[in-house]
Amino acid sequence: MKTERESYLVIRTRGHVYNQEVLEWALGTEARYIGMIGRRKKIQTGFNKLAEEGMAAGNLAAVLAPIGLDVGALTPEEIALRIVAEMIQDRRKGKGREA
């Protein structure tokens, strides 16, 4: 059975409406990997809001966003592969989120 420390979380809510809420929850877990799908500007806006609300910068720095290796992916299938590739890279290199 996998422990929470071995968990990989990907955040993507419909229209990004609940991304911030889910991100707050995710940061309270011991997940090894937390990644968030979205445009850099939208992600930064959300991070800024969380920082203004008192979220520690170290917690936000642990989130991979936008998620996935930059391989020039365009289609949903390619984007899924880039995300999985990043997870494999994390697993093999042992660069999980700091506990």
N, C-alpha and C. Protein backbone atom coordinates (compact mmCIF):
# COMPACT_ATOMS: atom_id res chain seq x y z
N MET A 1 0.84 -1.19 0.00
CA MET A 1 0.00 0.00 0.00
C MET A 1 0.88 1.25 0.00
N LYS A 2 0.56 2.19 -0.87
CA LYS A 2 1.33 3.43 -0.97
C LYS A 2 1.03 4.34 0.21
N THR A 3 2.06 5.04 0.63
CA THR A 3 1.87 6.04 1.67
C THR A 3 1.57 7.38 1.02
N GLU A 4 1.06 8.30 1.80
CA GLU A 4 0.75 9.62 1.29
C GLU A 4 2.01 10.28 0.72
N ARG A 5 3.17 9.98 1.30
CA ARG A 5 4.44 10.57 0.85
C ARG A 5 4.82 10.10 -0.55
N GLU A 6 4.19 9.06 -1.03
CA GLU A 6 4.45 8.55 -2.38
C GLU A 6 3.39 9.01 -3.38
N SER A 7 2.46 9.83 -2.93
CA SER A 7 1.35 10.27 -3.78
C SER A 7 1.76 11.40 -4.72
N TYR A 8 1.15 11.38 -5.89
CA TYR A 8 1.33 12.42 -6.89
C TYR A 8 -0.03 13.07 -7.12
N LEU A 9 -0.10 14.39 -6.96
CA LEU A 9 -1.36 15.10 -7.13
C LEU A 9 -1.26 16.06 -8.31
N VAL A 10 -2.29 16.03 -9.15
CA VAL A 10 -2.39 16.95 -10.27
C VAL A 10 -3.66 17.76 -10.08
N ILE A 11 -3.52 19.07 -10.11
CA ILE A 11 -4.66 19.95 -9.89
C ILE A 11 -5.12 20.53 -11.22
N ARG A 12 -6.35 20.28 -11.54
CA ARG A 12 -6.98 20.84 -12.74
C ARG A 12 -8.48 20.77 -12.53
N THR A 13 -9.10 21.89 -12.23
CA THR A 13 -10.54 21.91 -12.04
C THR A 13 -11.19 22.59 -13.24
N ARG A 14 -12.43 22.31 -13.46
CA ARG A 14 -13.16 22.87 -14.61
C ARG A 14 -13.12 24.39 -14.57
N GLY A 15 -12.54 24.96 -15.61
CA GLY A 15 -12.44 26.41 -15.68
C GLY A 15 -11.50 27.00 -14.63
N HIS A 16 -10.75 26.16 -13.96
CA HIS A 16 -9.81 26.56 -12.90
C HIS A 16 -10.51 27.23 -11.72
N VAL A 17 -11.83 27.04 -11.62
CA VAL A 17 -12.62 27.71 -10.59
C VAL A 17 -12.18 27.32 -9.18
N TYR A 18 -11.87 26.06 -8.97
CA TYR A 18 -11.54 25.58 -7.63
C TYR A 18 -10.06 25.27 -7.45
N ASN A 19 -9.22 25.67 -8.40
CA ASN A 19 -7.79 25.36 -8.29
C ASN A 19 -7.19 25.84 -6.98
N GLN A 20 -7.52 27.07 -6.57
CA GLN A 20 -6.93 27.60 -5.35
C GLN A 20 -7.36 26.80 -4.12
N GLU A 21 -8.63 26.46 -4.06
CA GLU A 21 -9.15 25.67 -2.94
C GLU A 21 -8.49 24.30 -2.88
N VAL A 22 -8.37 23.66 -4.03
CA VAL A 22 -7.74 22.35 -4.08
C VAL A 22 -6.25 22.46 -3.75
N LEU A 23 -5.60 23.52 -4.23
CA LEU A 23 -4.19 23.72 -3.92
C LEU A 23 -3.96 23.88 -2.43
N GLU A 24 -4.81 24.65 -1.77
CA GLU A 24 -4.69 24.80 -0.31
C GLU A 24 -4.79 23.45 0.38
N TRP A 25 -5.75 22.62 -0.05
CA TRP A 25 -5.89 21.28 0.53
C TRP A 25 -4.63 20.45 0.25
N ALA A 26 -4.18 20.46 -1.01
CA ALA A 26 -3.03 19.64 -1.41
C ALA A 26 -1.78 19.99 -0.60
N LEU A 27 -1.58 21.28 -0.34
CA LEU A 27 -0.40 21.69 0.41
C LEU A 27 -0.45 21.21 1.85
N GLY A 28 -1.61 20.84 2.33
CA GLY A 28 -1.76 20.29 3.68
C GLY A 28 -1.48 18.80 3.74
N THR A 29 -1.24 18.19 2.60
CA THR A 29 -0.93 16.76 2.56
C THR A 29 0.58 16.57 2.55
N GLU A 30 0.99 15.34 2.61
CA GLU A 30 2.41 15.01 2.50
C GLU A 30 2.74 14.45 1.12
N ALA A 31 1.94 14.81 0.13
CA ALA A 31 2.16 14.30 -1.23
C ALA A 31 3.58 14.62 -1.68
N ARG A 32 4.16 13.68 -2.37
CA ARG A 32 5.51 13.83 -2.89
C ARG A 32 5.56 14.89 -3.98
N TYR A 33 4.50 14.97 -4.77
CA TYR A 33 4.48 15.80 -5.97
C TYR A 33 3.12 16.49 -6.06
N ILE A 34 3.14 17.80 -6.21
CA ILE A 34 1.91 18.56 -6.45
C ILE A 34 2.15 19.40 -7.69
N GLY A 35 1.33 19.17 -8.70
CA GLY A 35 1.45 19.93 -9.94
C GLY A 35 0.12 20.55 -10.29
N MET A 36 0.17 21.69 -10.97
CA MET A 36 -1.05 22.39 -11.31
C MET A 36 -1.02 22.78 -12.79
N ILE A 37 -2.11 22.47 -13.48
CA ILE A 37 -2.25 22.82 -14.88
C ILE A 37 -2.76 24.25 -14.97
N GLY A 38 -2.25 24.99 -15.92
CA GLY A 38 -2.75 26.34 -16.14
C GLY A 38 -1.72 27.25 -16.79
N ARG A 39 -2.18 28.40 -17.17
CA ARG A 39 -1.29 29.40 -17.75
C ARG A 39 -0.49 30.07 -16.63
N ARG A 40 0.74 30.41 -16.96
CA ARG A 40 1.64 31.01 -15.95
C ARG A 40 1.02 32.23 -15.26
N LYS A 41 0.40 33.10 -16.02
CA LYS A 41 -0.19 34.31 -15.44
C LYS A 41 -1.31 33.98 -14.46
N LYS A 42 -2.17 33.05 -14.84
CA LYS A 42 -3.29 32.65 -13.99
C LYS A 42 -2.77 31.97 -12.70
N ILE A 43 -1.76 31.14 -12.86
CA ILE A 43 -1.16 30.46 -11.71
C ILE A 43 -0.53 31.49 -10.77
N GLN A 44 0.22 32.44 -11.33
CA GLN A 44 0.88 33.44 -10.51
C GLN A 44 -0.14 34.30 -9.76
N THR A 45 -1.25 34.62 -10.41
CA THR A 45 -2.31 35.38 -9.75
C THR A 45 -2.84 34.61 -8.54
N GLY A 46 -3.08 33.32 -8.71
CA GLY A 46 -3.55 32.48 -7.61
C GLY A 46 -2.53 32.38 -6.49
N PHE A 47 -1.25 32.23 -6.85
CA PHE A 47 -0.19 32.15 -5.85
C PHE A 47 -0.10 33.47 -5.08
N ASN A 48 -0.21 34.59 -5.78
CA ASN A 48 -0.15 35.90 -5.12
C ASN A 48 -1.28 36.04 -4.10
N LYS A 49 -2.46 35.59 -4.48
CA LYS A 49 -3.61 35.68 -3.56
C LYS A 49 -3.37 34.83 -2.31
N LEU A 50 -2.85 33.61 -2.51
CA LEU A 50 -2.56 32.76 -1.36
C LEU A 50 -1.48 33.38 -0.47
N ALA A 51 -0.48 33.98 -1.06
CA ALA A 51 0.58 34.64 -0.29
C ALA A 51 0.00 35.79 0.53
N GLU A 52 -0.89 36.57 -0.09
CA GLU A 52 -1.54 37.67 0.62
C GLU A 52 -2.37 37.17 1.79
N GLU A 53 -2.90 35.95 1.66
CA GLU A 53 -3.72 35.36 2.73
C GLU A 53 -2.86 34.65 3.77
N GLY A 54 -1.52 34.71 3.60
CA GLY A 54 -0.64 34.17 4.62
C GLY A 54 0.03 32.84 4.30
N MET A 55 -0.16 32.33 3.10
CA MET A 55 0.48 31.06 2.72
C MET A 55 1.99 31.29 2.64
N ALA A 56 2.76 30.41 3.26
CA ALA A 56 4.21 30.53 3.25
C ALA A 56 4.76 30.34 1.84
N ALA A 57 5.72 31.18 1.48
CA ALA A 57 6.32 31.12 0.14
C ALA A 57 6.94 29.76 -0.13
N GLY A 58 7.48 29.12 0.89
CA GLY A 58 8.08 27.80 0.74
C GLY A 58 7.07 26.75 0.29
N ASN A 59 5.85 26.87 0.80
CA ASN A 59 4.80 25.93 0.39
C ASN A 59 4.48 26.11 -1.08
N LEU A 60 4.36 27.36 -1.52
CA LEU A 60 4.02 27.62 -2.92
C LEU A 60 5.16 27.21 -3.84
N ALA A 61 6.39 27.35 -3.39
CA ALA A 61 7.55 26.98 -4.20
C ALA A 61 7.59 25.48 -4.46
N ALA A 62 6.93 24.71 -3.61
CA ALA A 62 6.92 23.25 -3.77
C ALA A 62 5.97 22.77 -4.86
N VAL A 63 5.16 23.69 -5.38
CA VAL A 63 4.17 23.32 -6.40
C VAL A 63 4.78 23.48 -7.78
N LEU A 64 4.68 22.44 -8.58
CA LEU A 64 5.15 22.51 -9.96
C LEU A 64 4.04 23.07 -10.82
N ALA A 65 4.28 24.25 -11.38
CA ALA A 65 3.25 24.90 -12.17
C ALA A 65 3.88 25.90 -13.13
N PRO A 66 3.51 25.89 -14.37
CA PRO A 66 2.62 24.89 -14.96
C PRO A 66 3.31 23.53 -14.99
N ILE A 67 2.50 22.53 -14.99
CA ILE A 67 2.95 21.16 -14.83
C ILE A 67 3.44 20.56 -16.14
N GLY A 68 4.37 19.62 -16.04
CA GLY A 68 4.81 18.85 -17.19
C GLY A 68 6.10 19.33 -17.81
N LEU A 69 6.82 18.39 -18.42
CA LEU A 69 8.05 18.73 -19.11
C LEU A 69 7.73 19.51 -20.38
N ASP A 70 8.54 20.49 -20.69
CA ASP A 70 8.32 21.31 -21.88
C ASP A 70 8.83 20.56 -23.11
N VAL A 71 7.90 19.91 -23.79
CA VAL A 71 8.24 19.16 -25.00
C VAL A 71 7.47 19.69 -26.21
N GLY A 72 6.87 20.86 -26.06
CA GLY A 72 6.11 21.44 -27.16
C GLY A 72 4.77 20.78 -27.38
N ALA A 73 4.20 20.19 -26.34
CA ALA A 73 2.91 19.49 -26.45
C ALA A 73 1.79 20.46 -26.81
N LEU A 74 0.87 19.98 -27.67
CA LEU A 74 -0.27 20.79 -28.07
C LEU A 74 -1.60 20.11 -27.80
N THR A 75 -1.70 18.83 -28.08
CA THR A 75 -2.96 18.12 -27.94
C THR A 75 -3.14 17.65 -26.50
N PRO A 76 -4.38 17.35 -26.10
CA PRO A 76 -4.61 16.84 -24.74
C PRO A 76 -3.78 15.57 -24.46
N GLU A 77 -3.65 14.71 -25.45
CA GLU A 77 -2.88 13.48 -25.26
C GLU A 77 -1.40 13.80 -25.03
N GLU A 78 -0.87 14.75 -25.79
CA GLU A 78 0.53 15.14 -25.62
C GLU A 78 0.75 15.81 -24.27
N ILE A 79 -0.20 16.61 -23.85
CA ILE A 79 -0.10 17.27 -22.54
C ILE A 79 -0.10 16.23 -21.43
N ALA A 80 -0.96 15.21 -21.56
CA ALA A 80 -0.99 14.13 -20.56
C ALA A 80 0.36 13.42 -20.51
N LEU A 81 0.95 13.18 -21.65
CA LEU A 81 2.26 12.52 -21.68
C LEU A 81 3.35 13.38 -21.05
N ARG A 82 3.29 14.69 -21.28
CA ARG A 82 4.31 15.56 -20.69
C ARG A 82 4.20 15.57 -19.17
N ILE A 83 2.96 15.47 -18.65
CA ILE A 83 2.75 15.43 -17.21
C ILE A 83 3.28 14.13 -16.63
N VAL A 84 2.94 13.02 -17.26
CA VAL A 84 3.41 11.72 -16.78
C VAL A 84 4.93 11.65 -16.87
N ALA A 85 5.51 12.21 -17.92
CA ALA A 85 6.97 12.21 -18.06
C ALA A 85 7.62 12.96 -16.90
N GLU A 86 7.02 14.07 -16.49
CA GLU A 86 7.57 14.82 -15.36
C GLU A 86 7.48 14.01 -14.07
N MET A 87 6.39 13.29 -13.90
CA MET A 87 6.23 12.45 -12.71
C MET A 87 7.28 11.34 -12.69
N ILE A 88 7.52 10.74 -13.84
CA ILE A 88 8.54 9.69 -13.93
C ILE A 88 9.91 10.27 -13.62
N GLN A 89 10.19 11.43 -14.16
CA GLN A 89 11.47 12.09 -13.89
C GLN A 89 11.63 12.34 -12.40
N ASP A 90 10.59 12.82 -11.75
CA ASP A 90 10.63 13.07 -10.31
C ASP A 90 10.88 11.76 -9.55
N ARG A 91 10.18 10.74 -9.95
CA ARG A 91 10.31 9.44 -9.25
C ARG A 91 11.71 8.87 -9.41
N ARG A 92 12.26 8.94 -10.59
CA ARG A 92 13.58 8.36 -10.86
C ARG A 92 14.72 9.17 -10.26
N LYS A 93 14.56 10.46 -10.24
CA LYS A 93 15.62 11.33 -9.72
C LYS A 93 15.46 11.60 -8.23
N GLY A 94 14.32 11.20 -7.66
CA GLY A 94 14.12 11.38 -6.22
C GLY A 94 14.03 12.83 -5.79
N LYS A 95 13.41 13.67 -6.63
CA LYS A 95 13.31 15.09 -6.31
C LYS A 95 11.93 15.45 -5.79
N GLY A 96 11.31 14.58 -5.04
CA GLY A 96 9.98 14.86 -4.52
C GLY A 96 9.95 16.10 -3.64
N ARG A 97 8.76 16.55 -3.41
CA ARG A 97 8.53 17.72 -2.56
C ARG A 97 9.16 17.49 -1.18
N GLU A 98 9.76 18.52 -0.65
CA GLU A 98 10.34 18.42 0.69
C GLU A 98 9.25 18.22 1.73
N ALA A 99 9.49 17.33 2.66
CA ALA A 99 8.50 17.05 3.71
C ALA A 99 8.52 18.11 4.78
